[in-house]
Amino acid sequence: SSNHIKQLDSLGFIWNFSDKSKAKENYRAEIMSWEQRFDELCAFKAQKRHCHVSQSDAGNKSLGHWVSQQRVSYTRNTLNSDRIQRLNSIGFAWDPREVSWNGSFYQLCAFKTQHGHCNASQHGPRYKSLSRWVSRQRMLYKRNALNSNYIQKINSIGFVWDPCKNVSRAKHIPG
């Protein structure tokens, strides 16, 4: 029944196996209880100070898969509220892209505190990654494709969306 499927999904059940070695690893992952995985995630967080476990991390592959499965179950609304609450209590991120965006935003905030502006491209290769992120935000904004919450956050620090316009205006201000 669909109820049984939801219950299996919430446990991280894997529905098909692509090869025997993966099947064996996935089978071991399946038989670990949710509690054991949660405890493993707590230990990971205690060591790494975050809950962002990658499926490509060889040492944590099955935990990474479990973490991914929790996100899928959450998105499908098949993860029970107790588990959601427990994951929230340890700072679990339901959307890793948002975590990444916030990390870049906090870097931009620190940059602005240090330099007084948000134009990371003016400061050479040390800020290459931040400069690319800033450029991407401007491009998404111009295309009207940037999340309104992100726009609000960026605006809150006095971000200049079109630095060329800002420069040309500054040249024409008397005095």
Protein backbone atom coordinates (compact mmCIF):
# COMPACT_ATOMS: atom_id res chain seq x y z
CA SER A 1 0.00 0.00 0.00
CA SER A 2 1.07 3.63 -0.36
CA ASN A 3 1.32 3.89 3.44
CA HIS A 4 3.88 1.07 3.52
CA ILE A 5 5.83 2.74 0.72
CA LYS A 6 5.90 6.01 2.69
CA GLN A 7 7.11 4.18 5.79
CA LEU A 8 9.89 2.46 3.85
CA ASP A 9 10.87 5.75 2.19
CA SER A 10 11.14 7.42 5.61
CA LEU A 11 13.55 4.69 6.66
CA GLY A 12 15.75 5.33 3.63
CA PHE A 13 14.76 2.15 1.78
CA ILE A 14 16.54 1.79 -1.57
CA TRP A 15 14.15 0.61 -4.27
CA ASN A 16 16.59 -0.61 -6.92
CA PHE A 17 20.23 -1.55 -7.14
CA SER A 18 22.44 -0.78 -10.14
CA ASP A 19 25.19 -3.31 -9.38
CA LYS A 20 26.02 -6.03 -6.85
CA SER A 21 28.68 -4.09 -4.94
CA LYS A 22 26.34 -1.13 -4.50
CA ALA A 23 23.56 -3.54 -3.57
CA LYS A 24 25.69 -5.04 -0.80
CA GLU A 25 26.64 -1.59 0.57
CA ASN A 26 23.06 -0.36 0.29
CA TYR A 27 21.76 -3.47 2.03
CA ARG A 28 24.05 -2.79 4.99
CA ALA A 29 22.84 0.82 5.00
CA GLU A 30 19.21 -0.33 4.99
CA ILE A 31 19.52 -2.57 7.99
CA MET A 32 20.91 0.17 10.19
CA SER A 33 18.05 1.76 12.06
CA TRP A 34 17.14 5.41 11.75
CA GLU A 35 18.38 5.91 15.30
CA GLN A 36 21.79 4.47 14.48
CA ARG A 37 22.14 6.74 11.46
CA PHE A 38 21.00 9.73 13.45
CA ASP A 39 23.62 8.94 16.11
CA GLU A 40 26.22 8.59 13.35
CA LEU A 41 25.20 12.01 11.98
CA CYS A 42 25.49 13.52 15.47
CA ALA A 43 29.02 12.10 15.77
CA PHE A 44 29.87 13.46 12.31
CA LYS A 45 28.60 16.89 13.36
CA ALA A 46 30.58 16.79 16.62
CA GLN A 47 33.73 16.16 14.61
CA LYS A 48 33.12 18.39 11.57
CA ARG A 49 30.82 21.04 13.14
CA HIS A 50 28.22 20.63 10.37
CA CYS A 51 25.75 18.07 8.99
CA HIS A 52 26.66 18.37 5.29
CA VAL A 53 27.67 14.79 4.53
CA SER A 54 28.55 14.21 0.89
CA GLN A 55 27.67 10.97 -0.89
CA SER A 56 30.99 11.29 -2.70
CA ASP A 57 32.97 11.19 0.57
CA ALA A 58 34.39 7.64 0.49
CA GLY A 59 34.55 7.39 4.28
CA ASN A 60 30.94 8.48 4.77
CA LYS A 61 29.25 7.30 1.60
CA SER A 62 26.38 5.43 3.26
CA LEU A 63 25.80 8.23 5.80
CA GLY A 64 25.77 10.70 2.90
CA HIS A 65 23.17 8.58 1.16
CA TRP A 66 21.07 8.46 4.34
CA VAL A 67 21.29 12.26 4.70
CA SER A 68 20.20 12.66 1.08
CA GLN A 69 17.32 10.25 1.67
CA GLN A 70 16.14 12.31 4.65
CA ARG A 71 15.97 15.37 2.38
CA VAL A 72 14.03 13.43 -0.25
CA SER A 73 11.60 12.10 2.37
CA TYR A 74 11.19 15.61 3.77
CA THR A 75 10.49 17.02 0.30
CA ARG A 76 7.96 14.26 -0.39
CA ASN A 77 6.36 14.93 2.99
CA THR A 78 7.00 11.33 4.09
CA LEU A 79 9.36 12.05 7.00
CA ASN A 80 7.56 12.04 10.33
CA SER A 81 7.50 15.21 12.41
CA ASP A 82 9.51 13.69 15.27
CA ARG A 83 12.40 12.95 12.91
CA ILE A 84 12.15 16.39 11.34
CA GLN A 85 12.30 17.96 14.80
CA ARG A 86 15.28 15.84 15.82
CA LEU A 87 17.19 16.69 12.64
CA ASN A 88 16.33 20.38 13.09
CA SER A 89 17.63 20.22 16.67
CA ILE A 90 21.16 19.45 15.44
CA GLY A 91 21.14 22.13 12.74
CA PHE A 92 20.36 19.85 9.80
CA ALA A 93 20.11 21.77 6.52
CA TRP A 94 17.20 20.69 4.35
CA ASP A 95 18.50 22.58 1.33
CA PRO A 96 22.29 22.33 0.88
CA ARG A 97 22.19 24.98 -1.88
CA GLU A 98 20.87 27.49 0.63
CA VAL A 99 23.65 26.58 3.04
CA SER A 100 26.17 27.23 0.27
CA TRP A 101 24.50 30.54 -0.66
CA ASN A 102 24.50 31.68 2.97
CA GLY A 103 28.18 30.76 3.29
CA SER A 104 29.02 33.00 0.33
CA PHE A 105 26.78 35.75 1.66
CA TYR A 106 28.58 35.68 5.03
CA GLN A 107 31.91 35.89 3.17
CA LEU A 108 30.57 38.94 1.36
CA CYS A 109 29.51 40.51 4.68
CA ALA A 110 33.02 39.97 6.07
CA PHE A 111 34.53 41.39 2.88
CA LYS A 112 32.35 44.50 3.12
CA THR A 113 33.25 44.97 6.80
CA GLN A 114 36.93 44.84 5.89
CA HIS A 115 36.87 46.85 2.62
CA GLY A 116 33.79 49.08 2.95
CA HIS A 117 32.19 47.84 -0.30
CA CYS A 118 31.06 44.63 -2.00
CA ASN A 119 33.19 44.72 -5.19
CA ALA A 120 35.40 41.71 -4.54
CA SER A 121 36.69 41.75 -8.14
CA GLN A 122 38.79 44.84 -7.33
CA HIS A 123 40.95 42.88 -4.90
CA GLY A 124 42.64 40.29 -7.09
CA PRO A 125 42.84 36.51 -7.09
CA ARG A 126 42.49 36.13 -3.32
CA TYR A 127 38.77 36.88 -3.73
CA LYS A 128 38.25 35.11 -7.07
CA SER A 129 35.59 32.72 -5.74
CA LEU A 130 33.69 35.48 -3.94
CA SER A 131 33.97 37.71 -7.01
CA ARG A 132 32.41 34.97 -9.18
CA TRP A 133 29.60 34.53 -6.65
CA VAL A 134 28.92 38.29 -6.60
CA SER A 135 28.87 38.38 -10.42
CA ARG A 136 26.45 35.46 -10.49
CA GLN A 137 24.09 37.21 -8.06
CA ARG A 138 24.13 40.33 -10.24
CA MET A 139 23.46 38.29 -13.37
CA LEU A 140 20.56 36.41 -11.72
CA TYR A 141 19.16 39.70 -10.44
CA LYS A 142 19.27 41.26 -13.93
CA ARG A 143 17.45 38.20 -15.32
CA ASN A 144 14.87 38.47 -12.55
CA ALA A 145 15.88 34.96 -11.47
CA LEU A 146 17.21 35.62 -7.97
CA ASN A 147 15.18 34.47 -4.98
CA SER A 148 13.46 37.47 -3.35
CA ASN A 149 14.76 36.44 0.10
CA TYR A 150 18.29 36.55 -1.27
CA ILE A 151 17.68 39.98 -2.80
CA GLN A 152 16.42 41.24 0.55
CA LYS A 153 19.46 39.85 2.38
CA ILE A 154 21.90 41.33 -0.13
CA ASN A 155 20.11 44.69 -0.10
CA SER A 156 20.37 44.75 3.71
CA ILE A 157 24.15 45.23 3.49
CA GLY A 158 24.01 48.08 0.96
CA PHE A 159 24.92 45.99 -2.06
CA VAL A 160 25.23 47.87 -5.37
CA TRP A 161 23.55 45.83 -8.12
CA ASP A 162 25.07 47.76 -11.02
CA PRO A 163 28.52 49.01 -10.05
CA CYS A 164 29.01 50.65 -13.47
CA LYS A 165 25.99 52.92 -12.95
CA ASN A 166 27.21 53.71 -9.44
CA VAL A 167 30.66 54.71 -10.75
CA SER A 168 29.24 56.92 -13.52
CA ARG A 169 26.88 58.65 -11.06
CA ALA A 170 29.75 59.25 -8.67
CA LYS A 171 31.74 60.99 -11.44
CA HIS A 172 28.88 63.46 -12.03
CA ILE A 173 28.26 64.41 -8.42
CA PRO A 174 29.55 67.96 -7.89
CA GLY A 175 31.95 68.73 -5.13
